[in-house]
Amino acid sequence: MQLSRYNISLIRGDGIGPEQAAAAKKILETISDSSSTKFSIIEVDAGDGTLAKHGKALPESAVDIIKKSQACLKAPVGESAADVIIVLRRMFDLYANVRPARSYPNIPSLSNNVDLVIVRENTEDVYLGWEFNADETTVVALRVTSERASRRIAEYAFKMAMLRNGKREVVAVHKANVLRRGDGLFAATCKTIGSKFPKVQYSELYVDACSMKLIRNPEEFDVIVTTNLFGDILSDEASQVVGGLGMGPAANIGDQFALFEPVHGAAFDIAGKNAANPSSILLSAKMMLEWLADKYNDRNAAAEGKRIEDAIVGVLKKGGRTKDIGGKLSTTQFTKLVSKAMY
């Protein structure tokens, strides 16, 4: 059912988070004022500041607002990030972490033809936090891998490969030569799922080989599917390959709900200076619109998402860059240029 208005929860975060959230809010308001895609944006406090003020990084009041929204857009959170994003991932079973990496104009990149996406399993691995002391000097961390989680993330990756305009290739990244049972299960499951998608070319890489190939030949990748920890590391590497974390959006997607956020952290060193590149959260908003379009059969929302990215590309082509990536524009100035270029 297509909605006439989307309720969007917006987590303001810490550090540069409020500046990033303000940029995203500006662009969503531009869309709401200029198109048939309408938003009600409800700002949410969560993170370090909220922890200091209320004793909890993610209070129940914030959770209630998020639950009532159609999607959540999250600015970066500081040291309490695990108490916010990991809790939300588990709460809404956001099992697919999707992180695209693309070359953009006038952004230094190792290749001008990168257009890949990393699909990361988002609910298991060492991120469950199952750690305990074996003795006073030794800590054991349990790494969990299940067939169910491996199957559904593989299915998500192959379906994405079918929908993209890329090469229709999926590479499963693991370390099954060492982690024979856990990553062996992951690899075997990916291969089984791959057999159901004959139009998609399937291959495998060990994670260390993949990390090297991302530097050497990043343009050869289409869709990478991998486990939680490996995906976290490889997606940051992929973002740097195409010019830095400031261009890196991310989606946390479940069957019923989704949360969108920049790849990067709160960058306290430049907080309050109005200098951070907002492209990461604006591109996250673009991914949010694509997800809403798919969930609610809303072609207009998809068109507005494309409009965001096209406007960013247009600004970059004209040399518009923020101070943190070698330009002269403030966060606010860059956002206004993107907003102006949209309509």
Protein backbone atom coordinates (compact mmCIF):
# COMPACT_ATOMS: atom_id res chain seq x y z
CA MET A 1 0.00 0.00 0.00
CA GLN A 2 1.43 3.37 -1.03
CA LEU A 3 1.48 5.92 1.79
CA SER A 4 0.76 9.62 1.35
CA ARG A 5 3.18 10.58 4.12
CA TYR A 6 6.10 8.79 5.76
CA ASN A 7 6.92 9.13 9.45
CA ILE A 8 10.72 9.20 9.70
CA SER A 9 12.57 8.99 13.01
CA LEU A 10 15.85 10.93 12.91
CA ILE A 11 18.53 10.15 15.50
CA ARG A 12 20.65 13.28 15.97
CA GLY A 13 23.66 11.50 17.48
CA ASP A 14 26.92 12.97 18.80
CA GLY A 15 29.91 14.92 17.52
CA ILE A 16 29.13 15.91 13.94
CA GLY A 17 25.88 13.96 14.24
CA PRO A 18 23.57 16.96 14.81
CA GLU A 19 25.13 18.75 11.80
CA GLN A 20 24.65 15.66 9.65
CA ALA A 21 21.09 15.20 10.89
CA ALA A 22 20.31 18.84 10.08
CA ALA A 23 21.59 18.32 6.53
CA ALA A 24 19.43 15.23 6.04
CA LYS A 25 16.41 17.00 7.48
CA LYS A 26 16.94 19.91 5.07
CA ILE A 27 16.98 17.58 2.05
CA LEU A 28 13.93 15.61 3.19
CA GLU A 29 12.06 18.86 3.79
CA THR A 30 13.04 20.00 0.28
CA ILE A 31 11.51 16.82 -1.13
CA SER A 32 8.42 17.15 1.04
CA ASP A 33 7.91 20.76 -0.07
CA SER A 34 8.54 20.10 -3.77
CA SER A 35 7.06 16.69 -4.58
CA SER A 36 4.25 14.28 -3.83
CA THR A 37 6.54 12.39 -1.41
CA LYS A 38 5.82 13.81 2.04
CA PHE A 39 7.56 13.33 5.38
CA SER A 40 6.87 13.89 9.04
CA ILE A 41 10.30 13.97 10.66
CA ILE A 42 10.55 13.28 14.39
CA GLU A 43 13.97 13.93 15.92
CA VAL A 44 15.26 11.44 18.48
CA ASP A 45 18.02 11.83 21.05
CA ALA A 46 20.30 8.82 21.51
CA GLY A 47 24.01 8.36 22.18
CA ASP A 48 26.63 9.83 24.49
CA GLY A 49 24.76 13.03 25.30
CA THR A 50 21.58 11.11 26.07
CA LEU A 51 23.55 8.67 28.24
CA ALA A 52 25.04 11.54 30.25
CA LYS A 53 21.66 13.22 30.65
CA HIS A 54 19.34 10.26 31.22
CA GLY A 55 21.64 7.39 32.20
CA LYS A 56 20.80 5.40 29.08
CA ALA A 57 22.11 5.81 25.52
CA LEU A 58 18.85 4.53 24.01
CA PRO A 59 15.92 5.36 26.34
CA GLU A 60 12.51 3.76 25.97
CA SER A 61 11.04 7.07 24.79
CA ALA A 62 13.41 6.98 21.79
CA VAL A 63 12.57 3.35 21.06
CA ASP A 64 8.85 4.15 21.12
CA ILE A 65 9.30 6.92 18.53
CA ILE A 66 11.38 4.67 16.29
CA LYS A 67 8.84 1.85 16.50
CA LYS A 68 6.08 4.18 15.31
CA SER A 69 8.05 5.35 12.26
CA GLN A 70 8.18 3.77 8.81
CA ALA A 71 12.00 4.02 8.79
CA CYS A 72 14.82 5.46 10.86
CA LEU A 73 17.65 7.71 9.71
CA LYS A 74 20.55 7.80 12.15
CA ALA A 75 23.39 10.31 12.40
CA PRO A 76 26.70 9.12 13.90
CA VAL A 77 26.82 8.22 17.59
CA GLY A 78 29.94 8.39 19.80
CA GLU A 79 31.36 5.92 22.31
CA SER A 80 27.92 4.52 23.14
CA ALA A 81 27.33 3.42 19.53
CA ALA A 82 27.11 -0.25 20.49
CA ASP A 83 24.36 0.57 22.97
CA VAL A 84 22.38 2.24 20.19
CA ILE A 85 22.92 0.68 16.79
CA ILE A 86 23.61 -2.91 17.86
CA VAL A 87 20.58 -2.86 20.15
CA LEU A 88 18.39 -1.55 17.33
CA ARG A 89 19.74 -4.13 14.89
CA ARG A 90 18.76 -6.92 17.27
CA MET A 91 15.46 -5.36 18.29
CA PHE A 92 14.19 -5.06 14.70
CA ASP A 93 16.13 -8.08 13.36
CA LEU A 94 17.95 -5.90 10.81
CA TYR A 95 19.91 -8.79 9.39
CA ALA A 96 21.27 -7.20 6.19
CA ASN A 97 23.87 -4.46 6.43
CA VAL A 98 24.18 -2.99 2.94
CA ARG A 99 27.10 -0.68 2.18
CA PRO A 100 27.65 0.55 -1.39
CA ALA A 101 30.93 2.08 -2.54
CA ARG A 102 30.98 4.13 -5.73
CA SER A 103 33.40 6.50 -7.48
CA TYR A 104 32.14 10.10 -7.54
CA PRO A 105 33.35 13.10 -9.59
CA ASN A 106 36.22 15.13 -8.15
CA ILE A 107 36.61 12.75 -5.21
CA PRO A 108 40.05 11.08 -5.22
CA SER A 109 39.60 7.34 -5.78
CA LEU A 110 41.84 4.39 -6.56
CA SER A 111 39.70 3.83 -9.64
CA ASN A 112 37.14 5.94 -11.45
CA ASN A 113 34.96 2.91 -12.20
CA VAL A 114 34.11 1.50 -8.79
CA ASP A 115 30.47 0.52 -8.24
CA LEU A 116 30.22 -2.26 -5.68
CA VAL A 117 28.13 -3.14 -2.67
CA ILE A 118 29.03 -5.10 0.44
CA VAL A 119 26.20 -7.15 1.94
CA ARG A 120 27.16 -7.97 5.51
CA GLU A 121 25.41 -10.38 7.87
CA ASN A 122 24.29 -8.15 10.71
CA THR A 123 23.10 -10.29 13.62
CA GLU A 124 25.78 -12.83 14.56
CA ASP A 125 29.55 -13.30 14.75
CA VAL A 126 31.59 -11.81 17.60
CA TYR A 127 29.22 -8.82 17.59
CA LEU A 128 26.91 -10.77 19.87
CA GLY A 129 29.37 -9.75 22.58
CA TRP A 130 29.68 -13.23 24.07
CA GLU A 131 32.99 -12.69 25.87
CA PHE A 132 34.20 -14.05 29.18
CA ASN A 133 37.41 -14.35 31.17
CA ALA A 134 39.01 -17.79 31.06
CA ASP A 135 41.40 -16.57 33.76
CA GLU A 136 42.83 -13.24 34.92
CA THR A 137 44.89 -12.75 31.77
CA THR A 138 42.83 -14.47 29.07
CA VAL A 139 39.56 -13.48 27.41
CA VAL A 140 37.53 -15.80 25.19
CA ALA A 141 35.12 -14.41 22.57
CA LEU A 142 32.58 -16.71 20.97
CA ARG A 143 31.93 -16.34 17.24
CA VAL A 144 28.47 -17.57 16.21
CA THR A 145 27.54 -18.65 12.67
CA SER A 146 24.21 -20.24 11.83
CA GLU A 147 22.79 -21.74 8.64
CA ARG A 148 19.67 -19.58 8.99
CA ALA A 149 21.54 -16.27 9.14
CA SER A 150 23.95 -17.35 6.40
CA ARG A 151 21.07 -18.40 4.16
CA ARG A 152 19.06 -15.22 4.42
CA ILE A 153 22.03 -12.91 3.92
CA ALA A 154 23.09 -14.95 0.88
CA GLU A 155 19.57 -14.76 -0.53
CA TYR A 156 19.57 -11.00 -0.01
CA ALA A 157 22.92 -10.65 -1.81
CA PHE A 158 21.89 -12.74 -4.82
CA LYS A 159 18.57 -10.91 -5.16
CA MET A 160 20.44 -7.60 -5.05
CA ALA A 161 22.83 -8.79 -7.76
CA MET A 162 19.83 -9.54 -9.97
CA LEU A 163 18.40 -6.04 -9.48
CA ARG A 164 21.60 -4.02 -9.91
CA ASN A 165 22.88 -2.75 -13.22
CA GLY A 166 26.22 -4.33 -12.51
CA LYS A 167 27.88 -7.53 -13.61
CA ARG A 168 25.51 -9.89 -11.79
CA GLU A 169 28.36 -11.32 -9.78
CA VAL A 170 28.42 -12.36 -6.13
CA VAL A 171 31.62 -13.19 -4.29
CA ALA A 172 31.34 -14.80 -0.85
CA VAL A 173 34.18 -13.66 1.41
CA HIS A 174 35.24 -15.82 4.36
CA LYS A 175 38.20 -17.56 6.00
CA ALA A 176 37.09 -21.17 5.75
CA ASN A 177 40.66 -22.43 5.37
CA VAL A 178 41.18 -21.54 9.06
CA LEU A 179 37.67 -21.17 10.51
CA ARG A 180 36.68 -24.49 9.00
CA ARG A 181 33.36 -25.04 10.74
CA GLY A 182 31.91 -21.54 11.08
CA ASP A 183 33.08 -20.04 7.80
CA GLY A 184 32.82 -23.47 6.21
CA LEU A 185 29.10 -23.39 6.99
CA PHE A 186 28.81 -19.83 5.67
CA ALA A 187 30.60 -20.68 2.41
CA ALA A 188 28.63 -23.89 1.84
CA THR A 189 25.35 -22.07 2.44
CA CYS A 190 26.25 -19.28 0.02
CA LYS A 191 27.15 -21.85 -2.63
CA THR A 192 23.84 -23.66 -2.15
CA ILE A 193 21.86 -20.43 -2.47
CA GLY A 194 23.94 -19.46 -5.49
CA SER A 195 22.84 -22.60 -7.32
CA LYS A 196 19.29 -21.17 -7.28
CA PHE A 197 20.42 -18.06 -9.18
CA PRO A 198 21.91 -19.40 -12.44
CA LYS A 199 22.05 -15.91 -13.98
CA VAL A 200 24.44 -14.72 -11.24
CA GLN A 201 28.10 -15.66 -11.41
CA TYR A 202 29.28 -16.97 -8.04
CA SER A 203 32.80 -17.11 -6.63
CA GLU A 204 34.60 -17.11 -3.28
CA LEU A 205 37.57 -15.25 -1.81
CA TYR A 206 39.41 -15.48 1.48
CA VAL A 207 39.05 -12.23 3.38
CA ASP A 208 42.76 -11.37 3.24
CA ALA A 209 42.81 -11.88 -0.55
CA CYS A 210 39.67 -9.79 -0.86
CA SER A 211 41.21 -6.93 1.12
CA MET A 212 44.17 -6.91 -1.28
CA LYS A 213 41.98 -7.08 -4.39
CA LEU A 214 39.91 -4.14 -3.14
CA ILE A 215 43.07 -2.07 -3.38
CA ARG A 216 44.43 -3.62 -6.57
CA ASN A 217 41.29 -4.03 -8.69
CA PRO A 218 38.26 -2.52 -6.93
CA GLU A 219 36.39 -2.01 -10.19
CA GLU A 220 36.12 -5.78 -10.66
CA PHE A 221 33.68 -6.24 -7.75
CA ASP A 222 29.91 -6.19 -7.97
CA VAL A 223 28.31 -7.70 -4.84
CA ILE A 224 30.36 -8.95 -1.88
CA VAL A 225 28.54 -11.06 0.71
CA THR A 226 30.32 -11.75 3.98
CA THR A 227 30.08 -12.21 7.72
CA ASN A 228 29.60 -9.49 10.31
CA LEU A 229 33.16 -8.70 11.42
CA PHE A 230 34.73 -9.12 7.98
CA GLY A 231 32.01 -6.96 6.45
CA ASP A 232 32.56 -4.20 8.97
CA ILE A 233 36.26 -4.03 8.12
CA LEU A 234 35.96 -4.47 4.35
CA SER A 235 33.23 -1.84 4.01
CA ASP A 236 35.42 0.81 5.65
CA GLU A 237 38.23 -0.18 3.32
CA ALA A 238 35.92 0.05 0.31
CA SER A 239 34.78 3.52 1.40
CA GLN A 240 38.39 4.68 1.59
CA VAL A 241 39.07 3.24 -1.87
CA VAL A 242 36.47 5.64 -3.30
CA GLY A 243 37.59 8.70 -1.36
CA GLY A 244 36.78 8.30 2.31
CA LEU A 245 34.04 7.53 4.78
CA GLY A 246 32.32 10.84 4.06
CA MET A 247 30.94 9.31 0.86
CA GLY A 248 29.83 6.07 2.53
CA PRO A 249 26.13 5.36 3.21
CA ALA A 250 24.78 2.25 4.88
CA ALA A 251 21.48 0.46 5.39
CA ASN A 252 20.42 -1.95 8.12
CA ILE A 253 17.50 -3.87 6.64
CA GLY A 254 15.05 -6.38 8.03
CA ASP A 255 11.86 -7.87 6.69
CA GLN A 256 9.64 -5.22 8.30
CA PHE A 257 11.84 -2.26 9.23
CA ALA A 258 15.08 -0.57 8.21
CA LEU A 259 17.56 1.93 9.63
CA PHE A 260 19.92 4.04 7.52
CA GLU A 261 23.17 5.68 8.63
CA PRO A 262 26.57 6.92 7.48
CA VAL A 263 29.42 4.43 7.65
CA HIS A 264 31.62 6.82 9.62
CA GLY A 265 31.67 7.78 13.28
CA ALA A 266 31.00 10.97 15.19
CA ALA A 267 34.33 12.71 14.25
CA PHE A 268 34.56 14.73 17.47
CA ASP A 269 37.71 16.48 16.17
CA ILE A 270 35.66 18.51 13.67
CA ALA A 271 32.37 18.63 15.59
CA GLY A 272 30.80 22.07 15.68
CA LYS A 273 33.02 23.40 12.88
CA ASN A 274 30.37 22.99 10.15
CA ALA A 275 33.02 21.32 8.01
CA ALA A 276 31.95 17.68 7.65
CA ASN A 277 30.89 16.27 4.31
CA PRO A 278 27.16 15.43 4.62
CA SER A 279 27.11 13.21 1.51
CA SER A 280 27.19 10.02 3.58
CA ILE A 281 23.94 10.76 5.40
CA LEU A 282 22.33 12.26 2.29
CA LEU A 283 23.13 9.09 0.35
CA SER A 284 21.79 7.10 3.30
CA ALA A 285 18.56 9.06 2.91
CA LYS A 286 18.60 8.10 -0.77
CA MET A 287 18.86 4.42 0.24
CA MET A 288 15.99 4.95 2.67
CA LEU A 289 13.79 6.30 -0.11
CA GLU A 290 14.65 3.31 -2.29
CA TRP A 291 13.66 0.96 0.52
CA LEU A 292 10.40 2.82 1.17
CA ALA A 293 9.68 2.72 -2.56
CA ASP A 294 10.09 -1.06 -2.59
CA LYS A 295 8.16 -1.70 0.62
CA TYR A 296 5.22 0.58 -0.20
CA ASN A 297 5.26 0.25 -4.00
CA ASP A 298 5.99 3.97 -4.33
CA ARG A 299 7.76 4.86 -7.58
CA ASN A 300 7.77 8.53 -6.63
CA ALA A 301 9.87 7.82 -3.54
CA ALA A 302 12.42 5.98 -5.68
CA ALA A 303 12.59 8.92 -8.08
CA GLU A 304 13.20 11.32 -5.20
CA GLY A 305 16.00 9.12 -3.93
CA LYS A 306 17.68 9.21 -7.33
CA ARG A 307 17.21 12.97 -7.34
CA ILE A 308 19.33 13.24 -4.16
CA GLU A 309 22.26 11.34 -5.66
CA ASP A 310 22.02 13.16 -9.01
CA ALA A 311 22.14 16.49 -7.19
CA ILE A 312 25.21 15.45 -5.17
CA VAL A 313 26.94 14.35 -8.38
CA GLY A 314 26.04 17.67 -10.00
CA VAL A 315 27.51 19.68 -7.12
CA LEU A 316 30.70 17.57 -7.10
CA LYS A 317 31.13 17.94 -10.88
CA LYS A 318 31.15 21.71 -10.42
CA GLY A 319 33.90 21.40 -7.81
CA GLY A 320 31.69 21.80 -4.76
CA ARG A 321 33.38 20.11 -1.82
CA THR A 322 33.39 20.56 1.94
CA LYS A 323 36.46 21.58 3.90
CA ASP A 324 37.16 18.08 5.20
CA ILE A 325 37.70 16.77 1.64
CA GLY A 326 39.84 19.63 0.37
CA GLY A 327 37.10 22.08 -0.58
CA LYS A 328 35.95 25.43 0.75
CA LEU A 329 32.30 24.77 1.49
CA SER A 330 30.76 24.34 4.92
CA THR A 331 28.37 21.51 5.65
CA THR A 332 25.48 23.95 5.44
CA GLN A 333 26.64 25.47 2.15
CA PHE A 334 27.10 22.07 0.52
CA THR A 335 23.65 20.98 1.68
CA LYS A 336 22.04 24.14 0.28
CA LEU A 337 23.71 23.54 -3.08
CA VAL A 338 22.40 19.98 -3.18
CA SER A 339 18.94 21.17 -2.21
CA LYS A 340 18.99 23.83 -4.93
CA ALA A 341 20.20 21.35 -7.56
CA MET A 342 17.33 18.93 -6.87
CA TYR A 343 14.50 21.00 -8.40
